[in-house]
Every structure is written in C-alpha cells, then in structure tokens.
C-alpha atoms as a PDB file:
ATOM      1  CA  MET A   1      70.880   8.949 -40.469  1.00  0.00           C
ATOM      2  CA  SER A   2      68.433  11.417 -42.066  1.00  0.00           C
ATOM      3  CA  ILE A   3      69.344  10.204 -45.560  1.00  0.00           C
ATOM      4  CA  LEU A   4      68.630   6.634 -44.408  1.00  0.00           C
ATOM      5  CA  ASP A   5      65.228   7.515 -42.999  1.00  0.00           C
ATOM      6  CA  LEU A   6      63.049   4.584 -41.955  1.00  0.00           C
ATOM      7  CA  SER A   7      60.895   6.629 -39.599  1.00  0.00           C
ATOM      8  CA  GLY A   8      57.694   4.897 -38.567  1.00  0.00           C
ATOM      9  CA  ARG A   9      58.214   1.799 -40.674  1.00  0.00           C
ATOM     10  CA  GLY A  10      57.306  -1.573 -39.275  1.00  0.00           C
ATOM     11  CA  ALA A  11      60.076  -4.140 -39.509  1.00  0.00           C
ATOM     12  CA  LEU A  12      60.630  -7.779 -38.628  1.00  0.00           C
ATOM     13  CA  VAL A  13      64.077  -9.236 -38.003  1.00  0.00           C
ATOM     14  CA  VAL A  14      63.998 -13.031 -37.969  1.00  0.00           C
ATOM     15  CA  GLY A  15      66.981 -14.412 -36.103  1.00  0.00           C
ATOM     16  CA  GLY A  16      67.315 -11.080 -34.338  1.00  0.00           C
ATOM     17  CA  GLY A  17      68.348 -12.290 -30.908  1.00  0.00           C
ATOM     18  CA  GLN A  18      72.112 -12.034 -31.311  1.00  0.00           C
ATOM     19  CA  GLY A  19      74.961 -11.399 -33.735  1.00  0.00           C
ATOM     20  CA  MET A  20      74.037 -10.021 -37.135  1.00  0.00           C
ATOM     21  CA  GLY A  21      70.333 -10.071 -36.277  1.00  0.00           C
ATOM     22  CA  ARG A  22      70.735  -8.010 -33.127  1.00  0.00           C
ATOM     23  CA  ALA A  23      73.003  -5.515 -34.902  1.00  0.00           C
ATOM     24  CA  THR A  24      70.514  -5.187 -37.763  1.00  0.00           C
ATOM     25  CA  ALA A  25      67.527  -4.685 -35.472  1.00  0.00           C
ATOM     26  CA  LEU A  26      69.332  -1.945 -33.536  1.00  0.00           C
ATOM     27  CA  LEU A  27      70.500  -0.183 -36.710  1.00  0.00           C
ATOM     28  CA  LEU A  28      66.977  -0.247 -38.155  1.00  0.00           C
ATOM     29  CA  ALA A  29      65.703   1.254 -34.914  1.00  0.00           C
ATOM     30  CA  GLN A  30      68.360   3.963 -35.011  1.00  0.00           C
ATOM     31  CA  ALA A  31      67.152   4.813 -38.535  1.00  0.00           C
ATOM     32  CA  GLY A  32      63.607   5.249 -37.193  1.00  0.00           C
ATOM     33  CA  ALA A  33      61.983   1.858 -37.759  1.00  0.00           C
ATOM     34  CA  ASN A  34      60.046  -0.143 -35.172  1.00  0.00           C
ATOM     35  CA  PRO A  35      61.534  -3.653 -35.400  1.00  0.00           C
ATOM     36  CA  VAL A  36      59.871  -6.795 -34.115  1.00  0.00           C
ATOM     37  CA  VAL A  37      62.503  -9.321 -33.039  1.00  0.00           C
ATOM     38  CA  VAL A  38      61.956 -13.039 -33.622  1.00  0.00           C
ATOM     39  CA  ASP A  39      64.346 -15.670 -32.330  1.00  0.00           C
ATOM     40  CA  LEU A  40      64.152 -19.285 -31.234  1.00  0.00           C
ATOM     41  CA  ASP A  41      65.270 -18.069 -27.812  1.00  0.00           C
ATOM     42  CA  GLN A  42      62.499 -15.967 -26.237  1.00  0.00           C
ATOM     43  CA  ASP A  43      64.849 -14.357 -23.701  1.00  0.00           C
ATOM     44  CA  ARG A  44      67.259 -13.225 -26.389  1.00  0.00           C
ATOM     45  CA  ALA A  45      64.426 -11.791 -28.480  1.00  0.00           C
ATOM     46  CA  GLU A  46      63.005  -9.898 -25.515  1.00  0.00           C
ATOM     47  CA  GLY A  47      66.460  -8.616 -24.553  1.00  0.00           C
ATOM     48  CA  VAL A  48      67.011  -7.064 -27.982  1.00  0.00           C
ATOM     49  CA  ALA A  49      63.468  -5.662 -27.964  1.00  0.00           C
ATOM     50  CA  ALA A  50      64.280  -3.952 -24.660  1.00  0.00           C
ATOM     51  CA  GLU A  51      67.402  -2.421 -26.217  1.00  0.00           C
ATOM     52  CA  ILE A  52      65.297  -1.109 -29.095  1.00  0.00           C
ATOM     53  CA  GLU A  53      62.739   0.412 -26.731  1.00  0.00           C
ATOM     54  CA  ALA A  54      65.588   2.112 -24.863  1.00  0.00           C
ATOM     55  CA  LEU A  55      66.317   3.908 -28.145  1.00  0.00           C
ATOM     56  CA  GLY A  56      62.771   5.292 -28.127  1.00  0.00           C
ATOM     57  CA  ARG A  57      61.359   2.903 -30.720  1.00  0.00           C
ATOM     58  CA  LYS A  58      58.576   0.331 -30.409  1.00  0.00           C
ATOM     59  CA  SER A  59      59.456  -3.350 -30.322  1.00  0.00           C
ATOM     60  CA  VAL A  60      58.411  -6.767 -29.115  1.00  0.00           C
ATOM     61  CA  GLY A  61      60.411  -9.970 -28.762  1.00  0.00           C
ATOM     62  CA  LEU A  62      58.792 -13.190 -29.995  1.00  0.00           C
ATOM     63  CA  SER A  63      59.792 -16.836 -30.358  1.00  0.00           C
ATOM     64  CA  PHE A  64      58.915 -18.838 -33.483  1.00  0.00           C
ATOM     65  CA  ASP A  65      60.578 -21.672 -35.379  1.00  0.00           C
ATOM     66  CA  VAL A  66      60.544 -20.378 -38.955  1.00  0.00           C
ATOM     67  CA  THR A  67      62.022 -23.624 -40.307  1.00  0.00           C
ATOM     68  CA  LYS A  68      58.405 -24.787 -40.117  1.00  0.00           C
ATOM     69  CA  PRO A  69      55.835 -23.132 -42.440  1.00  0.00           C
ATOM     70  CA  GLU A  70      53.408 -22.537 -39.602  1.00  0.00           C
ATOM     71  CA  GLY A  71      56.117 -20.792 -37.553  1.00  0.00           C
ATOM     72  CA  ALA A  72      56.933 -18.472 -40.437  1.00  0.00           C
ATOM     73  CA  ASN A  73      53.251 -17.698 -41.026  1.00  0.00           C
ATOM     74  CA  GLU A  74      52.721 -16.903 -37.349  1.00  0.00           C
ATOM     75  CA  ALA A  75      55.825 -14.702 -37.204  1.00  0.00           C
ATOM     76  CA  ILE A  76      54.608 -12.575 -40.121  1.00  0.00           C
ATOM     77  CA  ALA A  77      51.062 -12.375 -38.737  1.00  0.00           C
ATOM     78  CA  GLU A  78      52.268 -11.319 -35.281  1.00  0.00           C
ATOM     79  CA  ALA A  79      54.682  -8.754 -36.739  1.00  0.00           C
ATOM     80  CA  GLU A  80      51.860  -7.263 -38.831  1.00  0.00           C
ATOM     81  CA  ARG A  81      49.695  -6.988 -35.737  1.00  0.00           C
ATOM     82  CA  ALA A  82      52.487  -5.539 -33.597  1.00  0.00           C
ATOM     83  CA  THR A  83      53.516  -2.875 -36.123  1.00  0.00           C
ATOM     84  CA  SER A  84      50.066  -2.187 -37.661  1.00  0.00           C
ATOM     85  CA  GLN A  85      51.882  -2.013 -41.004  1.00  0.00           C
ATOM     86  CA  LEU A  86      54.769  -4.362 -41.718  1.00  0.00           C
ATOM     87  CA  ASP A  87      57.021  -2.756 -44.341  1.00  0.00           C
ATOM     88  CA  ILE A  88      60.357  -4.562 -43.969  1.00  0.00           C
ATOM     89  CA  VAL A  89      61.247  -8.216 -43.385  1.00  0.00           C
ATOM     90  CA  VAL A  90      64.824  -9.333 -42.748  1.00  0.00           C
ATOM     91  CA  ASN A  91      65.670 -13.033 -42.428  1.00  0.00           C
ATOM     92  CA  ILE A  92      69.089 -13.838 -40.931  1.00  0.00           C
ATOM     93  CA  VAL A  93      68.521 -17.416 -39.721  1.00  0.00           C
ATOM     94  CA  GLY A  94      71.359 -19.783 -40.643  1.00  0.00           C
ATOM     95  CA  GLY A  95      74.239 -21.917 -39.492  1.00  0.00           C
ATOM     96  CA  ALA A  96      76.941 -24.117 -41.033  1.00  0.00           C
ATOM     97  CA  SER A  97      78.003 -27.687 -40.374  1.00  0.00           C
ATOM     98  CA  TRP A  98      81.449 -28.963 -41.370  1.00  0.00           C
ATOM     99  CA  SER A  99      81.919 -32.227 -43.221  1.00  0.00           C
ATOM    100  CA  PRO A 100      83.465 -33.285 -46.570  1.00  0.00           C
ATOM    101  CA  LEU A 101      80.981 -34.463 -49.178  1.00  0.00           C
ATOM    102  CA  LEU A 102      82.369 -38.005 -49.058  1.00  0.00           C
ATOM    103  CA  SER A 103      81.472 -38.338 -45.390  1.00  0.00           C
ATOM    104  CA  VAL A 104      78.517 -35.992 -44.878  1.00  0.00           C
ATOM    105  CA  ASP A 105      75.501 -37.934 -43.644  1.00  0.00           C
ATOM    106  CA  ASP A 106      71.997 -37.495 -45.005  1.00  0.00           C
ATOM    107  CA  GLU A 107      70.707 -36.041 -41.735  1.00  0.00           C
ATOM    108  CA  THR A 108      73.332 -33.271 -41.768  1.00  0.00           C
ATOM    109  CA  TRP A 109      72.594 -32.494 -45.421  1.00  0.00           C
ATOM    110  CA  GLU A 110      68.873 -32.174 -44.705  1.00  0.00           C
ATOM    111  CA  ARG A 111      69.442 -30.126 -41.552  1.00  0.00           C
ATOM    112  CA  ASP A 112      71.646 -27.635 -43.378  1.00  0.00           C
ATOM    113  CA  PHE A 113      68.935 -27.135 -45.991  1.00  0.00           C
ATOM    114  CA  ASP A 114      66.329 -26.675 -43.248  1.00  0.00           C
ATOM    115  CA  VAL A 115      68.469 -24.136 -41.387  1.00  0.00           C
ATOM    116  CA  ASN A 116      69.798 -22.242 -44.405  1.00  0.00           C
ATOM    117  CA  LEU A 117      67.364 -22.459 -47.324  1.00  0.00           C
ATOM    118  CA  ARG A 118      63.841 -23.778 -46.836  1.00  0.00           C
ATOM    119  CA  HIS A 119      62.783 -21.178 -44.287  1.00  0.00           C
ATOM    120  CA  HIS A 120      63.572 -18.402 -46.772  1.00  0.00           C
ATOM    121  CA  LEU A 121      60.661 -19.649 -48.866  1.00  0.00           C
ATOM    122  CA  TYR A 122      58.426 -19.932 -45.795  1.00  0.00           C
ATOM    123  CA  VAL A 123      59.220 -16.446 -44.437  1.00  0.00           C
ATOM    124  CA  GLY A 124      59.402 -14.745 -47.826  1.00  0.00           C
ATOM    125  CA  ARG A 125      56.184 -16.330 -49.057  1.00  0.00           C
ATOM    126  CA  ALA A 126      54.311 -15.400 -45.881  1.00  0.00           C
ATOM    127  CA  ALA A 127      55.587 -11.822 -46.100  1.00  0.00           C
ATOM    128  CA  ALA A 128      54.706 -11.496 -49.782  1.00  0.00           C
ATOM    129  CA  ARG A 129      51.228 -12.915 -49.237  1.00  0.00           C
ATOM    130  CA  ASN A 130      50.697 -10.397 -46.443  1.00  0.00           C
ATOM    131  CA  TRP A 131      51.752  -7.485 -48.642  1.00  0.00           C
ATOM    132  CA  VAL A 132      49.682  -8.655 -51.616  1.00  0.00           C
ATOM    133  CA  ALA A 133      46.597  -9.200 -49.448  1.00  0.00           C
ATOM    134  CA  ASN A 134      46.941  -5.711 -47.975  1.00  0.00           C
ATOM    135  CA  GLU A 135      47.805  -4.168 -51.369  1.00  0.00           C
ATOM    136  CA  ARG A 136      51.024  -2.683 -49.975  1.00  0.00           C
ATOM    137  CA  PRO A 137      54.612  -2.746 -51.204  1.00  0.00           C
ATOM    138  CA  GLY A 138      57.284  -4.374 -49.078  1.00  0.00           C
ATOM    139  CA  VAL A 139      60.988  -5.115 -48.836  1.00  0.00           C
ATOM    140  CA  LEU A 140      62.547  -8.495 -48.104  1.00  0.00           C
ATOM    141  CA  CYS A 141      66.257  -8.847 -47.371  1.00  0.00           C
ATOM    142  CA  VAL A 142      67.945 -12.166 -46.591  1.00  0.00           C
ATOM    143  CA  VAL A 143      71.461 -13.221 -45.630  1.00  0.00           C
ATOM    144  CA  ALA A 144      73.357 -15.609 -47.906  1.00  0.00           C
ATOM    145  CA  SER A 145      77.110 -16.376 -47.856  1.00  0.00           C
ATOM    146  CA  ILE A 146      80.118 -16.275 -50.143  1.00  0.00           C
ATOM    147  CA  SER A 147      80.152 -20.060 -49.621  1.00  0.00           C
ATOM    148  CA  GLY A 148      77.162 -20.108 -51.960  1.00  0.00           C
ATOM    149  CA  MET A 149      79.142 -18.354 -54.696  1.00  0.00           C
ATOM    150  CA  PHE A 150      82.063 -20.772 -54.902  1.00  0.00           C
ATOM    151  CA  GLY A 151      83.006 -24.311 -53.937  1.00  0.00           C
ATOM    152  CA  ALA A 152      82.502 -24.730 -50.203  1.00  0.00           C
ATOM    153  CA  ALA A 153      85.150 -27.278 -49.272  1.00  0.00           C
ATOM    154  CA  ARG A 154      84.312 -29.222 -46.089  1.00  0.00           C
ATOM    155  CA  HIS A 155      80.940 -27.489 -45.727  1.00  0.00           C
ATOM    156  CA  GLY A 156      79.261 -28.363 -49.003  1.00  0.00           C
ATOM    157  CA  ALA A 157      75.772 -28.742 -47.548  1.00  0.00           C
ATOM    158  CA  TYR A 158      75.911 -25.165 -46.287  1.00  0.00           C
ATOM    159  CA  GLY A 159      77.344 -23.900 -49.576  1.00  0.00           C
ATOM    160  CA  ALA A 160      74.705 -25.651 -51.656  1.00  0.00           C
ATOM    161  CA  ALA A 161      71.932 -24.272 -49.446  1.00  0.00           C
ATOM    162  CA  LYS A 162      73.317 -20.725 -49.624  1.00  0.00           C
ATOM    163  CA  ALA A 163      73.584 -21.020 -53.420  1.00  0.00           C
ATOM    164  CA  GLY A 164      69.894 -21.843 -53.337  1.00  0.00           C
ATOM    165  CA  VAL A 165      69.260 -18.680 -51.307  1.00  0.00           C
ATOM    166  CA  LEU A 166      70.864 -16.574 -54.047  1.00  0.00           C
ATOM    167  CA  SER A 167      68.688 -18.241 -56.679  1.00  0.00           C
ATOM    168  CA  PHE A 168      65.585 -17.764 -54.517  1.00  0.00           C
ATOM    169  CA  VAL A 169      66.295 -14.026 -54.261  1.00  0.00           C
ATOM    170  CA  LYS A 170      66.421 -13.604 -58.033  1.00  0.00           C
ATOM    171  CA  THR A 171      63.282 -15.640 -58.629  1.00  0.00           C
ATOM    172  CA  ALA A 172      61.304 -13.916 -55.871  1.00  0.00           C
ATOM    173  CA  ALA A 173      62.367 -10.494 -57.148  1.00  0.00           C
ATOM    174  CA  GLU A 174      61.231 -11.424 -60.655  1.00  0.00           C
ATOM    175  CA  GLU A 175      57.885 -12.851 -59.585  1.00  0.00           C
ATOM    176  CA  TRP A 176      56.967 -10.284 -56.951  1.00  0.00           C
ATOM    177  CA  TRP A 177      57.996  -6.959 -58.469  1.00  0.00           C
ATOM    178  CA  PRO A 178      54.509  -6.387 -59.990  1.00  0.00           C
ATOM    179  CA  HIS A 179      53.255  -6.198 -56.401  1.00  0.00           C
ATOM    180  CA  GLY A 180      55.826  -3.568 -55.429  1.00  0.00           C
ATOM    181  CA  ILE A 181      57.986  -6.044 -53.504  1.00  0.00           C
ATOM    182  CA  ARG A 182      61.774  -5.763 -53.590  1.00  0.00           C
ATOM    183  CA  VAL A 183      63.966  -8.753 -52.662  1.00  0.00           C
ATOM    184  CA  ASN A 184      67.718  -8.660 -52.084  1.00  0.00           C
ATOM    185  CA  ALA A 185      70.480 -10.504 -50.255  1.00  0.00           C
ATOM    186  CA  VAL A 186      73.530  -9.503 -48.286  1.00  0.00           C
ATOM    187  CA  VAL A 187      76.385 -11.949 -48.809  1.00  0.00           C
ATOM    188  CA  PRO A 188      78.864 -11.979 -45.921  1.00  0.00           C
ATOM    189  CA  GLY A 189      82.242 -13.584 -45.642  1.00  0.00           C
ATOM    190  CA  THR A 190      83.323 -14.376 -42.104  1.00  0.00           C
ATOM    191  CA  VAL A 191      81.607 -12.337 -39.390  1.00  0.00           C
ATOM    192  CA  ARG A 192      82.667 -12.128 -35.749  1.00  0.00           C
ATOM    193  CA  THR A 193      79.420 -13.207 -34.083  1.00  0.00           C
ATOM    194  CA  PRO A 194      79.009 -14.846 -30.648  1.00  0.00           C
ATOM    195  CA  ARG A 195      78.310 -18.172 -32.356  1.00  0.00           C
ATOM    196  CA  MET A 196      81.456 -17.949 -34.483  1.00  0.00           C
ATOM    197  CA  GLU A 197      83.562 -16.910 -31.494  1.00  0.00           C
ATOM    198  CA  ALA A 198      82.346 -20.003 -29.634  1.00  0.00           C
ATOM    199  CA  GLU A 199      83.083 -22.266 -32.602  1.00  0.00           C
ATOM    200  CA  TRP A 200      86.584 -20.833 -33.037  1.00  0.00           C
ATOM    201  CA  ALA A 201      87.291 -21.315 -29.345  1.00  0.00           C
ATOM    202  CA  ALA A 202      86.088 -24.926 -29.526  1.00  0.00           C
ATOM    203  CA  GLY A 203      88.093 -25.596 -32.685  1.00  0.00           C
ATOM    204  CA  SER A 204      84.995 -26.828 -34.530  1.00  0.00           C
ATOM    205  CA  THR A 205      85.280 -24.157 -37.235  1.00  0.00           C
ATOM    206  CA  PRO A 206      88.493 -22.894 -38.889  1.00  0.00           C
ATOM    207  CA  ARG A 207      89.410 -19.386 -37.820  1.00  0.00           C
ATOM    208  CA  PRO A 208      90.170 -17.302 -40.934  1.00  0.00           C
ATOM    209  CA  ALA A 209      92.922 -14.788 -41.416  1.00  0.00           C
ATOM    210  CA  ALA A 210      92.107 -11.100 -41.664  1.00  0.00           C
ATOM    211  CA  ASP A 211      90.448  -9.948 -44.881  1.00  0.00           C
ATOM    212  CA  LEU A 212      92.018  -7.580 -47.426  1.00  0.00           C
ATOM    213  CA  LEU A 213      91.040  -4.627 -45.255  1.00  0.00           C
ATOM    214  CA  GLY A 214      92.944  -6.093 -42.324  1.00  0.00           C
ATOM    215  CA  THR A 215      90.055  -7.191 -40.075  1.00  0.00           C
ATOM    216  CA  ILE A 216      87.216  -9.673 -39.689  1.00  0.00           C
ATOM    217  CA  ALA A 217      83.750  -8.227 -40.280  1.00  0.00           C
ATOM    218  CA  GLU A 218      81.618  -7.236 -37.300  1.00  0.00           C
ATOM    219  CA  PRO A 219      77.838  -7.827 -37.144  1.00  0.00           C
ATOM    220  CA  GLU A 220      77.250  -4.088 -37.665  1.00  0.00           C
ATOM    221  CA  ASP A 221      78.965  -4.320 -41.072  1.00  0.00           C
ATOM    222  CA  ILE A 222      76.269  -6.698 -42.244  1.00  0.00           C
ATOM    223  CA  GLY A 223      73.512  -4.756 -40.504  1.00  0.00           C
ATOM    224  CA  GLY A 224      74.616  -1.586 -42.274  1.00  0.00           C
ATOM    225  CA  ALA A 225      74.361  -3.220 -45.694  1.00  0.00           C
ATOM    226  CA  ILE A 226      70.917  -4.584 -44.847  1.00  0.00           C
ATOM    227  CA  SER A 227      69.778  -1.164 -43.630  1.00  0.00           C
ATOM    228  CA  PHE A 228      70.791   0.319 -46.978  1.00  0.00           C
ATOM    229  CA  LEU A 229      68.996  -2.353 -49.012  1.00  0.00           C
ATOM    230  CA  VAL A 230      65.696  -1.950 -47.135  1.00  0.00           C
ATOM    231  CA  SER A 231      65.793   1.852 -47.362  1.00  0.00           C
ATOM    232  CA  ASP A 232      64.615   4.141 -50.152  1.00  0.00           C
ATOM    233  CA  LEU A 233      68.252   4.713 -51.064  1.00  0.00           C
ATOM    234  CA  ALA A 234      68.006   1.282 -52.693  1.00  0.00           C
ATOM    235  CA  ARG A 235      64.534   1.777 -54.170  1.00  0.00           C
ATOM    236  CA  LYS A 236      65.755   0.639 -57.630  1.00  0.00           C
ATOM    237  CA  VAL A 237      67.706  -2.344 -56.297  1.00  0.00           C
ATOM    238  CA  THR A 238      66.045  -5.746 -56.460  1.00  0.00           C
ATOM    239  CA  GLY A 239      67.174  -9.302 -57.164  1.00  0.00           C
ATOM    240  CA  GLN A 240      70.715  -8.413 -56.163  1.00  0.00           C
ATOM    241  CA  ALA A 241      73.388  -9.876 -53.889  1.00  0.00           C
ATOM    242  CA  LEU A 242      75.520  -7.316 -52.055  1.00  0.00           C
ATOM    243  CA  VAL A 243      78.808  -8.950 -51.049  1.00  0.00           C
ATOM    244  CA  VAL A 244      80.236  -7.723 -47.736  1.00  0.00           C
ATOM    245  CA  ASP A 245      83.424  -9.752 -47.300  1.00  0.00           C
ATOM    246  CA  GLY A 246      86.237  -7.251 -46.901  1.00  0.00           C
ATOM    247  CA  GLY A 247      87.493  -8.051 -50.394  1.00  0.00           C
ATOM    248  CA  TRP A 248      87.988 -11.810 -50.120  1.00  0.00           C
ATOM    249  CA  THR A 249      86.176 -12.521 -53.383  1.00  0.00           C
ATOM    250  CA  THR A 250      88.338 -10.020 -55.314  1.00  0.00           C
ATOM    251  CA  ARG A 251      91.440 -12.144 -54.969  1.00  0.00           C
ATOM    252  CA  PHE A 252      93.015 -13.608 -58.093  1.00  0.00           C
ATOM    253  CA  PRO A 253      93.045 -17.389 -57.569  1.00  0.00           C
ATOM    254  CA  TYR A 254      96.537 -18.034 -58.988  1.00  0.00           C
ATOM    255  CA  SER A 255      99.997 -17.089 -57.868  1.00  0.00           C
ATOM    256  CA  LEU A 256     102.005 -15.199 -60.487  1.00  0.00           C
ATOM    257  CA  THR A 257     105.308 -15.372 -58.562  1.00  0.00           C
END
C-alpha cells in the first residue's frame, strides 16, 4: 500500500456502516487514513469505527441524516473536529426503488431523488465550504450507478437521480478546481452488499447474472476504486466517472448471429 499512501489524512465516509461504505472505510484505514464513519444507524457506524481502530487508526462512528442540509453540515463539521484536518470526503448513500414509469407514484420519485441525488449537493457543498474557509485542498468522491448512464427500465427514478449525480460531479469539479478541490465518481454495476443480498432473497430486486469477468462485484471492488481516486495517484483526475461493472457496459447491444 506504500504507493497508495494516505498516511495521516482525515477522511469521512458517509454511509459507511455496511456494504460499500464499510469496505471503503477499512481500505482507507489500511492505506493510512483516519476515517470518520457516518451512518443513519449509530450502532453500525460505531462497529465499523471499532474495526478501524483495531487496525491502529483513529476513528469515530456518528449518526446523521445527510438527506437534510443540516445533517450534512453537522457531519462535515464533526468530521473536521474529529480529524483536525478533513482531507477526504466519500459519499456512498443511496438505494433503488423498483417501479415502471407508468406506475411510479410521486412519493417514490421524490424519495429516490432524496436518497440518491439531493444529499450529494448537501454533503459536497458543506465539504467544499469547509475546505475553502480553511484554505485547504480536498477530495470528494461519490458513488453513482451504471443505471444513470443508460435507460433504467423499471427503476427510472433511481436512474434519473444517478444521472444527476454524474452531472453534479462534472459541475462541481469545474467550479471548485480553483480551490484545489477534486471531485470524481465511482460508477458500479451490481454489487453484492448486505442490502442487495436481502433484496434478492426477498425477490424484490432482480438478481443479475455474472458479469463478463464471471462474478458479481464485492464491496471491496468499489472501495478499491474509491481509494485510488482519493489518493495522489489520481492527483490529475477530476470530473470523471470510473466505471466498475465487470465489463457490463462494454457489451454490444445487438446480436450478430
């Protein structure tokens, strides 16, 4: 990990209590960072913080609702206090509903935008304001989805929100680079998280076939891409979307047989 050195850097992982967030927080800690873990569930956040401390890094688990501006502001302020110098912010909060556009209700549409898009402005804006006020550079990395790159049949609210995330990343990168702030996204396909496992078992979400590489992505696959983007290895990367989908989006859409 010496080439991916994050030693001593303060980090915040929003949505860090399980799945991709937990994997990311632990990988950042293994690279030397001191990640603060924020999750809606206080127990989950504290559990991951304890795992990080067992690795010899500093951490604290906190509970905030970042879908509200005040929750995002408080999360950034507490992470700055806990780390003394917040360098890295990762926002992984999200979740899909399933409904065709002809039958999706207004409440579901609004909820998907709350859960998948609006909080990226709240968290990103709070982080950027913190860095500008302290005259320090910073790195923001968010999680989008390949559903935001194409038509998202039967989960159009989620797809539209994730498309907005990709646009937000480009705009934030363009507006904030004069302050030394980099902004990027990781764009997963299907990831085997505890939430997805539960949805597959309940039959509420379609279980996909293996990707071109013969597997379904694990949370660590996404955490690894995030760790790269927030490191100095990616110091010239901003406004970009790194797709981590095992090759799904490389497939030619037509059959030639």
